[in-house]
Amino acid sequence: MRNGAARGDQLPPLPPPGPERWGGSLRYRDAVVAQPLGYRPLTLDLVVPEAAGPVPLVVHIYGGGFATGSHKTNSLGAHLVDRLLPQGVAVAAVQYRHSRESPFPAQVHDVKAAVRWLRHHAEVLGLHPSRFGAWGASSGGYLATMLAVTADHPDLDGSLGITGPSSAVQAAVSWSAPVDFARMPPPPGESPLHALGVDPHDWFLGARVAEAPRIARAASSSTYVGAGAAPLQLAHGEQDSGIPIDQSEEIAAAYERVGATVQLVRVPGAGHFFADGDRQRLITLGLDFLQRHMPER
């Protein structure tokens, strides 16, 4: 759908909506990235600081075990807008299908479609098309790592929306994310899903992890790490019982083996979610990392 024409399984994506002035920024609400038939339209919200030239972009991907959450209400997304806009960085909050709507690789296809839509419209939106970063936590962090490591895997691009531009990002920040589903423990006792007897990663894979090792490997971002992987900063609580820190350690080691750029920030005493002091410090570290690895050319 390079030219936005309709196809049998989807309606065409739409051009950017008219912007609203929001302080010193322009806000684009409910931009339609793709319209797969049988599903809701996939949308994003974008805030762009007004500037003399194109600005870098961070694509924020919310978490929620692939089963809950919204790009509209995620607290990390709000913090990123507050912190990144004054630094001249645009923020796009993107949407994806949840695991009970459609299992892997739908979520990867959806966020890649969002990146392509943003790059296709970069000039009119005031974005720098070669300064795109991704940032997410938990399942959103997983999707950020997938954007970082799968640019040379066109089989994971999907065909939603606009398919011409690259879905690559130049750098990514991932907090508390799963990267290897074959090595993930079941939900901890304090998880609300534990009481339901549900492992959200089974929903995401469309099968029980133990019974589908091939799918688990195909879905694991650690599978795809190569020398061309985008620079990646990881942050993980040392006491995370839901997604243990060895998940981040695994992908960091994979990066190091191939000579790709990676940084692992260990957060002592932290669980799956970060206290506000840690969160603000990690946002500062993440912004610095992205600015170093998305230099203006």
Protein backbone atom coordinates (compact mmCIF):
# COMPACT_ATOMS: atom_id res chain seq x y z
CA MET A 1 0.00 0.00 0.00
CA ARG A 2 2.75 2.41 -1.01
CA ASN A 3 0.28 4.93 -2.41
CA GLY A 4 -2.39 4.47 0.27
CA ALA A 5 -4.77 2.55 -2.00
CA ALA A 6 -7.37 0.24 -0.47
CA ARG A 7 -6.68 -3.48 -0.41
CA GLY A 8 -8.81 -6.51 0.30
CA ASP A 9 -7.88 -6.83 3.98
CA GLN A 10 -7.74 -3.15 4.92
CA LEU A 11 -8.91 0.33 4.13
CA PRO A 12 -6.26 2.94 3.28
CA PRO A 13 -4.48 4.87 6.02
CA LEU A 14 -5.38 8.52 6.33
CA PRO A 15 -3.17 11.62 6.05
CA PRO A 16 -2.28 13.46 9.26
CA PRO A 17 -5.18 15.24 10.95
CA GLY A 18 -5.08 18.99 11.40
CA PRO A 19 -2.85 20.00 14.32
CA GLU A 20 -3.95 21.73 17.51
CA ARG A 21 -1.74 24.32 19.16
CA TRP A 22 -0.67 23.13 22.60
CA GLY A 23 1.67 25.51 24.39
CA GLY A 24 4.73 25.76 22.18
CA SER A 25 3.88 22.54 20.39
CA LEU A 26 1.57 21.11 17.76
CA ARG A 27 -0.59 18.15 18.74
CA TYR A 28 -2.04 15.63 16.28
CA ARG A 29 -4.76 13.47 17.82
CA ASP A 30 -6.03 10.12 16.60
CA ALA A 31 -3.98 9.95 13.41
CA VAL A 32 -5.09 6.82 11.53
CA VAL A 33 -2.07 4.65 10.78
CA ALA A 34 -3.92 1.62 9.41
CA GLN A 35 -7.47 0.31 9.08
CA PRO A 36 -7.35 -3.50 9.07
CA LEU A 37 -10.78 -4.92 8.29
CA GLY A 38 -12.35 -6.75 11.21
CA TYR A 39 -10.36 -4.74 13.77
CA ARG A 40 -10.51 -1.21 15.11
CA PRO A 41 -8.43 1.40 13.27
CA LEU A 42 -4.88 1.71 14.59
CA THR A 43 -4.13 5.26 15.65
CA LEU A 44 -1.44 7.36 17.27
CA ASP A 45 -1.18 10.68 19.06
CA LEU A 46 1.77 12.93 18.21
CA VAL A 47 3.13 16.06 19.88
CA VAL A 48 5.77 18.06 17.99
CA PRO A 49 7.63 21.03 19.47
CA GLU A 50 7.53 24.05 17.20
CA ALA A 51 11.02 24.53 15.77
CA ALA A 52 12.82 26.11 12.83
CA GLY A 53 13.69 22.72 11.35
CA PRO A 54 12.80 19.04 11.62
CA VAL A 55 13.05 17.53 15.10
CA PRO A 56 13.94 14.05 16.38
CA LEU A 57 11.12 11.72 17.37
CA VAL A 58 10.60 9.19 20.14
CA VAL A 59 7.96 6.54 19.48
CA HIS A 60 6.50 5.58 22.86
CA ILE A 61 4.94 2.12 23.20
CA TYR A 62 2.86 1.45 26.30
CA GLY A 63 3.04 -1.74 28.37
CA GLY A 64 0.39 -3.99 29.88
CA GLY A 65 1.32 -7.62 29.32
CA PHE A 66 0.13 -7.37 25.70
CA ALA A 67 -3.40 -7.58 27.13
CA THR A 68 -4.22 -4.25 28.80
CA GLY A 69 -3.33 -0.57 28.62
CA SER A 70 -3.75 2.33 26.25
CA HIS A 71 -1.53 4.83 24.47
CA LYS A 72 -4.00 7.48 25.70
CA THR A 73 -3.54 6.97 29.44
CA ASN A 74 -0.04 5.56 30.00
CA SER A 75 1.84 7.40 32.75
CA LEU A 76 5.30 6.88 31.23
CA GLY A 77 4.07 8.41 27.98
CA ALA A 78 2.89 11.50 29.87
CA HIS A 79 6.25 11.81 31.63
CA LEU A 80 8.09 11.52 28.30
CA VAL A 81 6.00 14.32 26.81
CA ASP A 82 6.75 16.52 29.84
CA ARG A 83 10.48 15.82 29.72
CA LEU A 84 11.25 15.47 26.01
CA LEU A 85 9.27 18.31 24.44
CA PRO A 86 11.33 21.03 26.20
CA GLN A 87 14.44 19.34 24.77
CA GLY A 88 13.10 19.69 21.24
CA VAL A 89 12.07 16.03 20.85
CA ALA A 90 8.67 15.01 19.46
CA VAL A 91 6.76 12.13 21.07
CA ALA A 92 4.36 9.76 19.30
CA ALA A 93 2.19 7.49 21.46
CA VAL A 94 1.26 4.50 19.31
CA GLN A 95 -1.45 1.87 19.55
CA TYR A 96 -1.30 -1.86 18.85
CA ARG A 97 -3.66 -4.82 18.92
CA HIS A 98 -3.80 -6.75 22.18
CA SER A 99 -3.09 -10.45 22.40
CA ARG A 100 -6.72 -11.61 22.60
CA GLU A 101 -7.48 -9.60 19.45
CA SER A 102 -4.58 -11.07 17.51
CA PRO A 103 -1.43 -12.88 18.71
CA PHE A 104 2.18 -12.39 17.63
CA PRO A 105 3.34 -11.02 15.22
CA ALA A 106 0.38 -8.60 15.00
CA GLN A 107 1.79 -6.28 17.67
CA VAL A 108 5.14 -6.04 15.88
CA HIS A 109 3.38 -5.36 12.58
CA ASP A 110 1.32 -2.61 14.22
CA VAL A 111 4.20 -0.63 15.71
CA LYS A 112 6.21 -0.99 12.51
CA ALA A 113 3.24 0.37 10.57
CA ALA A 114 3.21 3.37 12.92
CA VAL A 115 6.92 4.03 12.31
CA ARG A 116 6.41 3.83 8.55
CA TRP A 117 3.43 6.20 8.68
CA LEU A 118 5.43 8.72 10.71
CA ARG A 119 8.41 8.50 8.37
CA HIS A 120 6.21 8.81 5.28
CA HIS A 121 4.67 12.01 6.66
CA ALA A 122 7.85 13.30 8.34
CA GLU A 123 8.19 16.41 6.18
CA VAL A 124 4.67 17.72 6.78
CA LEU A 125 4.87 16.82 10.49
CA GLY A 126 8.24 18.52 11.02
CA LEU A 127 10.07 15.30 11.94
CA HIS A 128 13.63 14.30 11.07
CA PRO A 129 13.18 10.95 9.26
CA SER A 130 16.61 9.62 10.20
CA ARG A 131 16.36 10.52 13.90
CA PHE A 132 13.67 8.12 15.14
CA GLY A 133 13.94 6.43 18.53
CA ALA A 134 11.68 3.99 20.38
CA TRP A 135 10.92 3.82 24.12
CA GLY A 136 8.76 1.42 26.07
CA ALA A 137 8.34 -0.44 29.33
CA SER A 138 7.39 -4.08 29.93
CA SER A 139 5.56 -5.35 26.82
CA GLY A 140 6.11 -1.90 25.31
CA GLY A 141 9.81 -2.31 26.00
CA TYR A 142 9.73 -5.63 24.17
CA LEU A 143 8.20 -3.94 21.13
CA ALA A 144 10.85 -1.19 21.33
CA THR A 145 13.57 -3.86 21.28
CA MET A 146 11.90 -5.53 18.31
CA LEU A 147 12.06 -2.24 16.42
CA ALA A 148 15.75 -2.03 17.33
CA VAL A 149 16.75 -5.53 16.18
CA THR A 150 14.51 -6.43 13.23
CA ALA A 151 15.14 -3.69 10.65
CA ASP A 152 16.78 -6.29 8.40
CA HIS A 153 13.95 -8.83 8.83
CA PRO A 154 11.31 -7.73 6.29
CA ASP A 155 9.21 -10.80 7.10
CA LEU A 156 8.31 -9.03 10.37
CA ASP A 157 7.25 -5.77 8.72
CA GLY A 158 3.76 -6.93 7.84
CA SER A 159 1.69 -5.15 5.22
CA LEU A 160 -0.47 -2.79 7.26
CA GLY A 161 -0.84 0.80 6.18
CA ILE A 162 1.96 2.45 4.23
CA THR A 163 4.60 -0.09 3.24
CA GLY A 164 7.25 1.92 1.39
CA PRO A 165 9.36 3.64 4.09
CA SER A 166 11.70 1.87 6.50
CA SER A 167 10.39 0.75 9.89
CA ALA A 168 13.87 1.07 11.43
CA VAL A 169 14.67 3.17 14.46
CA GLN A 170 18.09 4.65 15.13
CA ALA A 171 18.11 3.84 18.87
CA ALA A 172 15.82 2.42 21.54
CA VAL A 173 15.22 2.47 25.30
CA SER A 174 13.60 -0.56 26.94
CA TRP A 175 12.56 -0.88 30.57
CA SER A 176 11.75 -4.17 32.34
CA ALA A 177 11.02 -6.05 29.12
CA PRO A 178 10.74 -9.74 28.21
CA VAL A 179 13.12 -10.78 25.44
CA ASP A 180 13.12 -14.60 25.57
CA PHE A 181 9.71 -16.19 26.06
CA ALA A 182 11.10 -19.70 26.44
CA ARG A 183 12.84 -18.57 29.64
CA MET A 184 10.04 -16.50 31.16
CA PRO A 185 8.67 -17.65 34.53
CA PRO A 186 4.88 -17.77 35.10
CA PRO A 187 3.21 -14.66 36.54
CA PRO A 188 4.16 -14.06 40.19
CA GLY A 189 1.67 -14.56 42.99
CA GLU A 190 1.01 -10.83 43.39
CA SER A 191 0.03 -10.48 39.74
CA PRO A 192 -3.73 -9.98 39.18
CA LEU A 193 -3.47 -12.41 36.27
CA HIS A 194 -2.12 -15.13 38.57
CA ALA A 195 -5.48 -15.40 40.35
CA LEU A 196 -7.10 -16.01 36.97
CA GLY A 197 -4.69 -18.80 36.14
CA VAL A 198 -3.57 -16.85 33.07
CA ASP A 199 -0.11 -16.36 31.61
CA PRO A 200 -0.41 -13.32 29.30
CA HIS A 201 2.58 -14.52 27.31
CA ASP A 202 0.59 -17.61 26.28
CA TRP A 203 -2.07 -15.27 24.91
CA PHE A 204 0.60 -13.25 23.13
CA LEU A 205 2.09 -16.33 21.46
CA GLY A 206 -1.31 -17.86 20.70
CA ALA A 207 -0.17 -21.07 22.41
CA ARG A 208 1.30 -22.28 25.68
CA VAL A 209 4.98 -21.39 25.73
CA ALA A 210 6.02 -24.91 26.74
CA GLU A 211 4.10 -26.41 23.83
CA ALA A 212 5.26 -23.96 21.17
CA PRO A 213 9.06 -23.56 21.35
CA ARG A 214 9.31 -22.56 17.70
CA ILE A 215 6.80 -19.73 18.14
CA ALA A 216 8.48 -18.66 21.39
CA ARG A 217 11.82 -18.39 19.61
CA ALA A 218 10.33 -16.50 16.66
CA ALA A 219 8.72 -14.00 19.05
CA SER A 220 11.84 -13.45 21.19
CA SER A 221 13.76 -10.27 20.40
CA SER A 222 17.01 -11.92 21.52
CA THR A 223 16.68 -14.18 18.46
CA TYR A 224 17.26 -11.30 16.04
CA VAL A 225 20.25 -9.47 17.50
CA GLY A 226 22.89 -8.86 14.85
CA ALA A 227 25.74 -6.45 14.21
CA GLY A 228 23.31 -4.00 12.60
CA ALA A 229 21.02 -3.76 15.64
CA ALA A 230 20.20 -0.21 16.69
CA PRO A 231 21.84 1.05 19.91
CA LEU A 232 19.82 -0.11 22.89
CA GLN A 233 19.63 1.10 26.48
CA LEU A 234 18.04 -1.29 28.97
CA ALA A 235 16.85 -0.51 32.49
CA HIS A 236 15.68 -3.25 34.84
CA GLY A 237 14.86 -3.55 38.52
CA GLU A 238 17.07 -6.04 40.32
CA GLN A 239 14.05 -7.29 42.31
CA ASP A 240 11.65 -7.65 39.37
CA SER A 241 9.74 -10.89 40.03
CA GLY A 242 7.43 -10.56 37.02
CA ILE A 243 10.09 -10.21 34.34
CA PRO A 244 13.44 -11.07 35.95
CA ILE A 245 16.49 -8.98 35.18
CA ASP A 246 18.13 -11.95 33.47
CA GLN A 247 15.89 -11.14 30.49
CA SER A 248 17.68 -7.81 29.99
CA GLU A 249 21.01 -9.45 30.78
CA GLU A 250 20.39 -11.96 27.99
CA ILE A 251 19.81 -9.41 25.25
CA ALA A 252 22.66 -7.24 26.53
CA ALA A 253 24.99 -10.24 26.23
CA ALA A 254 23.68 -10.93 22.71
CA TYR A 255 24.45 -7.33 21.74
CA GLU A 256 27.95 -7.57 23.18
CA ARG A 257 28.68 -10.80 21.31
CA VAL A 258 28.07 -9.12 17.94
CA GLY A 259 29.68 -5.80 18.84
CA ALA A 260 26.46 -3.76 18.81
CA THR A 261 25.99 -0.81 21.18
CA VAL A 262 24.16 -1.62 24.41
CA GLN A 263 23.90 -0.25 27.94
CA LEU A 264 22.25 -2.07 30.85
CA VAL A 265 21.20 0.08 33.81
CA ARG A 266 20.51 -2.02 36.91
CA VAL A 267 18.12 -0.45 39.41
CA PRO A 268 18.86 -1.75 42.94
CA GLY A 269 15.83 -2.56 45.06
CA ALA A 270 13.36 -1.91 42.25
CA GLY A 271 10.68 -4.34 41.12
CA HIS A 272 8.82 -4.31 37.83
CA PHE A 273 7.74 -0.68 38.26
CA PHE A 274 10.03 2.19 39.17
CA ALA A 275 9.51 4.74 41.94
CA ASP A 276 9.25 8.32 40.73
CA GLY A 277 12.82 9.20 41.70
CA ASP A 278 14.21 6.24 39.76
CA ARG A 279 11.87 6.95 36.85
CA GLN A 280 12.98 10.55 36.50
CA ARG A 281 16.65 9.55 36.68
CA LEU A 282 16.11 6.85 34.06
CA ILE A 283 14.30 9.28 31.75
CA THR A 284 17.33 11.58 31.98
CA LEU A 285 19.65 8.66 31.16
CA GLY A 286 17.40 7.51 28.32
CA LEU A 287 17.17 10.96 26.76
CA ASP A 288 20.95 11.35 26.92
CA PHE A 289 21.39 7.92 25.30
CA LEU A 290 19.00 8.71 22.47
CA GLN A 291 20.53 12.10 21.80
CA ARG A 292 23.99 10.55 21.58
CA HIS A 293 22.85 7.83 19.19
CA MET A 294 20.48 9.91 17.06
CA PRO A 295 22.92 12.71 16.18
CA GLU A 296 21.95 15.48 13.80
CA ARG A 297 23.55 14.84 10.44
